């Protein structure tokens, strides 16, 4: 389940670096690549 410390990303994007920095500037968390908000992507 996506929340403040877990972020699902369907694919790598140019904006991913900014999201990683945002996580580092807070309490941290997990970024799961290859998944959608509803779970693991079939692509």
PDB file of N, CA and C in Angstrom:
ATOM      1  N   UNK A   1       0.838  -1.174   0.000  1.00  0.00           N
ATOM      2  CA  UNK A   1       0.000   0.000   0.000  1.00  0.00           C
ATOM      3  C   UNK A   1       0.887   1.242   0.000  1.00  0.00           C
ATOM      4  N   UNK A   2       0.590   2.179  -0.863  1.00  0.00           N
ATOM      5  CA  UNK A   2       1.361   3.402  -0.971  1.00  0.00           C
ATOM      6  C   UNK A   2       0.995   4.347   0.186  1.00  0.00           C
ATOM      7  N   UNK A   3       2.020   4.959   0.786  1.00  0.00           N
ATOM      8  CA  UNK A   3       1.798   5.920   1.870  1.00  0.00           C
ATOM      9  C   UNK A   3       2.983   6.880   1.909  1.00  0.00           C
ATOM     10  N   UNK A   4       3.176   7.606   3.001  1.00  0.00           N
ATOM     11  CA  UNK A   4       4.261   8.588   3.080  1.00  0.00           C
ATOM     12  C   UNK A   4       5.646   7.976   2.975  1.00  0.00           C
ATOM     13  N   UNK A   5       5.795   6.721   3.311  1.00  0.00           N
ATOM     14  CA  UNK A   5       7.125   6.109   3.255  1.00  0.00           C
ATOM     15  C   UNK A   5       7.268   5.055   2.155  1.00  0.00           C
ATOM     16  N   UNK A   6       6.213   4.833   1.371  1.00  0.00           N
ATOM     17  CA  UNK A   6       6.272   3.873   0.265  1.00  0.00           C
ATOM     18  C   UNK A   6       5.685   4.527  -0.972  1.00  0.00           C
ATOM     19  N   UNK A   7       6.439   4.512  -2.056  1.00  0.00           N
ATOM     20  CA  UNK A   7       6.008   5.109  -3.322  1.00  0.00           C
ATOM     21  C   UNK A   7       6.189   4.080  -4.419  1.00  0.00           C
ATOM     22  N   UNK A   8       5.132   3.827  -5.191  1.00  0.00           N
ATOM     23  CA  UNK A   8       5.200   2.886  -6.311  1.00  0.00           C
ATOM     24  C   UNK A   8       5.419   3.656  -7.606  1.00  0.00           C
ATOM     25  N   UNK A   9       6.332   3.169  -8.413  1.00  0.00           N
ATOM     26  CA  UNK A   9       6.605   3.764  -9.717  1.00  0.00           C
ATOM     27  C   UNK A   9       6.508   2.683 -10.776  1.00  0.00           C
ATOM     28  N   UNK A  10       5.767   2.963 -11.826  1.00  0.00           N
ATOM     29  CA  UNK A  10       5.599   1.981 -12.887  1.00  0.00           C
ATOM     30  C   UNK A  10       6.887   1.804 -13.683  1.00  0.00           C
ATOM     31  N   UNK A  11       7.622   2.893 -13.904  1.00  0.00           N
ATOM     32  CA  UNK A  11       8.864   2.830 -14.675  1.00  0.00           C
ATOM     33  C   UNK A  11       9.818   3.938 -14.228  1.00  0.00           C
ATOM     34  N   UNK A  12      11.063   3.807 -14.630  1.00  0.00           N
ATOM     35  CA  UNK A  12      12.054   4.843 -14.327  1.00  0.00           C
ATOM     36  C   UNK A  12      11.746   6.085 -15.139  1.00  0.00           C
ATOM     37  N   UNK A  13      11.849   7.235 -14.504  1.00  0.00           N
ATOM     38  CA  UNK A  13      11.618   8.506 -15.202  1.00  0.00           C
ATOM     39  C   UNK A  13      12.725   9.477 -14.837  1.00  0.00           C
ATOM     40  N   UNK A  14      12.777  10.582 -15.575  1.00  0.00           N
ATOM     41  CA  UNK A  14      13.779  11.608 -15.282  1.00  0.00           C
ATOM     42  C   UNK A  14      13.539  12.257 -13.924  1.00  0.00           C
ATOM     43  N   UNK A  15      12.293  12.292 -13.471  1.00  0.00           N
ATOM     44  CA  UNK A  15      11.967  12.920 -12.197  1.00  0.00           C
ATOM     45  C   UNK A  15      12.255  12.050 -10.982  1.00  0.00           C
ATOM     46  N   UNK A  16      12.714  10.830 -11.198  1.00  0.00           N
ATOM     47  CA  UNK A  16      12.959   9.925 -10.075  1.00  0.00           C
ATOM     48  C   UNK A  16      14.031  10.473  -9.131  1.00  0.00           C
ATOM     49  N   UNK A  17      15.030  11.133  -9.673  1.00  0.00           N
ATOM     50  CA  UNK A  17      16.091  11.694  -8.816  1.00  0.00           C
ATOM     51  C   UNK A  17      15.510  12.654  -7.789  1.00  0.00           C
ATOM     52  N   UNK A  18      14.574  13.498  -8.201  1.00  0.00           N
ATOM     53  CA  UNK A  18      13.953  14.448  -7.279  1.00  0.00           C
ATOM     54  C   UNK A  18      13.173  13.720  -6.188  1.00  0.00           C
ATOM     55  N   UNK A  19      12.509  12.633  -6.551  1.00  0.00           N
ATOM     56  CA  UNK A  19      11.750  11.870  -5.559  1.00  0.00           C
ATOM     57  C   UNK A  19      12.674  11.204  -4.547  1.00  0.00           C
ATOM     58  N   UNK A  20      13.812  10.691  -5.018  1.00  0.00           N
ATOM     59  CA  UNK A  20      14.781  10.077  -4.109  1.00  0.00           C
ATOM     60  C   UNK A  20      15.308  11.124  -3.136  1.00  0.00           C
ATOM     61  N   UNK A  21      15.634  12.301  -3.630  1.00  0.00           N
ATOM     62  CA  UNK A  21      16.123  13.377  -2.763  1.00  0.00           C
ATOM     63  C   UNK A  21      15.042  13.772  -1.759  1.00  0.00           C
ATOM     64  N   UNK A  22      13.797  13.821  -2.199  1.00  0.00           N
ATOM     65  CA  UNK A  22      12.704  14.159  -1.283  1.00  0.00           C
ATOM     66  C   UNK A  22      12.600  13.129  -0.165  1.00  0.00           C
ATOM     67  N   UNK A  23      12.749  11.856  -0.494  1.00  0.00           N
ATOM     68  CA  UNK A  23      12.726  10.811   0.532  1.00  0.00           C
ATOM     69  C   UNK A  23      13.912  10.969   1.484  1.00  0.00           C
ATOM     70  N   UNK A  24      15.086  11.305   0.953  1.00  0.00           N
ATOM     71  CA  UNK A  24      16.265  11.475   1.800  1.00  0.00           C
ATOM     72  C   UNK A  24      16.124  12.669   2.735  1.00  0.00           C
ATOM     73  N   UNK A  25      15.362  13.678   2.321  1.00  0.00           N
ATOM     74  CA  UNK A  25      15.166  14.872   3.137  1.00  0.00           C
ATOM     75  C   UNK A  25      14.090  14.682   4.205  1.00  0.00           C
ATOM     76  N   UNK A  26      13.422  13.542   4.206  1.00  0.00           N
ATOM     77  CA  UNK A  26      12.415  13.249   5.231  1.00  0.00           C
ATOM     78  C   UNK A  26      12.909  12.072   6.063  1.00  0.00           C
ATOM     79  N   UNK A  27      12.002  11.246   6.501  1.00  0.00           N
ATOM     80  CA  UNK A  27      12.383  10.080   7.302  1.00  0.00           C
ATOM     81  C   UNK A  27      12.818   8.898   6.451  1.00  0.00           C
ATOM     82  N   UNK A  28      12.801   9.063   5.135  1.00  0.00           N
ATOM     83  CA  UNK A  28      13.183   7.972   4.242  1.00  0.00           C
ATOM     84  C   UNK A  28      11.988   7.137   3.866  1.00  0.00           C
ATOM     85  N   UNK A  29      12.251   6.041   3.201  1.00  0.00           N
ATOM     86  CA  UNK A  29      11.166   5.171   2.783  1.00  0.00           C
ATOM     87  C   UNK A  29      11.611   4.249   1.668  1.00  0.00           C
ATOM     88  N   UNK A  30      10.656   3.720   0.949  1.00  0.00           N
ATOM     89  CA  UNK A  30      10.922   2.796  -0.144  1.00  0.00           C
ATOM     90  C   UNK A  30      10.298   3.322  -1.420  1.00  0.00           C
ATOM     91  N   UNK A  31      11.020   3.211  -2.516  1.00  0.00           N
ATOM     92  CA  UNK A  31      10.479   3.478  -3.838  1.00  0.00           C
ATOM     93  C   UNK A  31      10.529   2.157  -4.580  1.00  0.00           C
ATOM     94  N   UNK A  32       9.364   1.647  -4.953  1.00  0.00           N
ATOM     95  CA  UNK A  32       9.267   0.354  -5.618  1.00  0.00           C
ATOM     96  C   UNK A  32       9.071   0.611  -7.100  1.00  0.00           C
ATOM     97  N   UNK A  33      10.054   0.211  -7.915  1.00  0.00           N
ATOM     98  CA  UNK A  33       9.997   0.427  -9.360  1.00  0.00           C
ATOM     99  C   UNK A  33       9.420  -0.822 -10.015  1.00  0.00           C
ATOM    100  N   UNK A  34       8.532  -0.629 -10.981  1.00  0.00           N
ATOM    101  CA  UNK A  34       7.892  -1.747 -11.655  1.00  0.00           C
ATOM    102  C   UNK A  34       6.558  -2.095 -11.023  1.00  0.00           C
ATOM    103  N   UNK A  35       6.013  -1.167 -10.251  1.00  0.00           N
ATOM    104  CA  UNK A  35       4.740  -1.410  -9.593  1.00  0.00           C
ATOM    105  C   UNK A  35       3.845  -0.195  -9.752  1.00  0.00           C
ATOM    106  N   UNK A  36       2.562  -0.439  -9.747  1.00  0.00           N
ATOM    107  CA  UNK A  36       1.576   0.636  -9.778  1.00  0.00           C
ATOM    108  C   UNK A  36       0.988   0.794  -8.387  1.00  0.00           C
ATOM    109  N   UNK A  37       0.184   1.802  -8.188  1.00  0.00           N
ATOM    110  CA  UNK A  37      -0.427   2.035  -6.884  1.00  0.00           C
ATOM    111  C   UNK A  37      -1.213   0.817  -6.418  1.00  0.00           C
ATOM    112  N   UNK A  38      -1.753   0.060  -7.357  1.00  0.00           N
ATOM    113  CA  UNK A  38      -2.554  -1.100  -7.008  1.00  0.00           C
ATOM    114  C   UNK A  38      -1.725  -2.355  -6.802  1.00  0.00           C
ATOM    115  N   UNK A  39      -0.430  -2.301  -7.068  1.00  0.00           N
ATOM    116  CA  UNK A  39       0.427  -3.472  -6.880  1.00  0.00           C
ATOM    117  C   UNK A  39       1.399  -3.646  -8.029  1.00  0.00           C
ATOM    118  N   UNK A  40       1.912  -4.838  -8.208  1.00  0.00           N
ATOM    119  CA  UNK A  40       2.925  -5.111  -9.211  1.00  0.00           C
ATOM    120  C   UNK A  40       2.337  -5.000 -10.617  1.00  0.00           C
ATOM    121  N   UNK A  41       3.058  -4.323 -11.485  1.00  0.00           N
ATOM    122  CA  UNK A  41       2.625  -4.111 -12.860  1.00  0.00           C
ATOM    123  C   UNK A  41       2.768  -5.392 -13.682  1.00  0.00           C
ATOM    124  N   UNK A  42       1.902  -5.555 -14.662  1.00  0.00           N
ATOM    125  CA  UNK A  42       2.008  -6.709 -15.546  1.00  0.00           C
ATOM    126  C   UNK A  42       2.883  -6.425 -16.740  1.00  0.00           C
ATOM    127  N   UNK A  43       3.336  -5.186 -16.893  1.00  0.00           N
ATOM    128  CA  UNK A  43       4.169  -4.800 -18.039  1.00  0.00           C
ATOM    129  C   UNK A  43       5.616  -5.196 -17.837  1.00  0.00           C
TER     130      UNK A  43
END
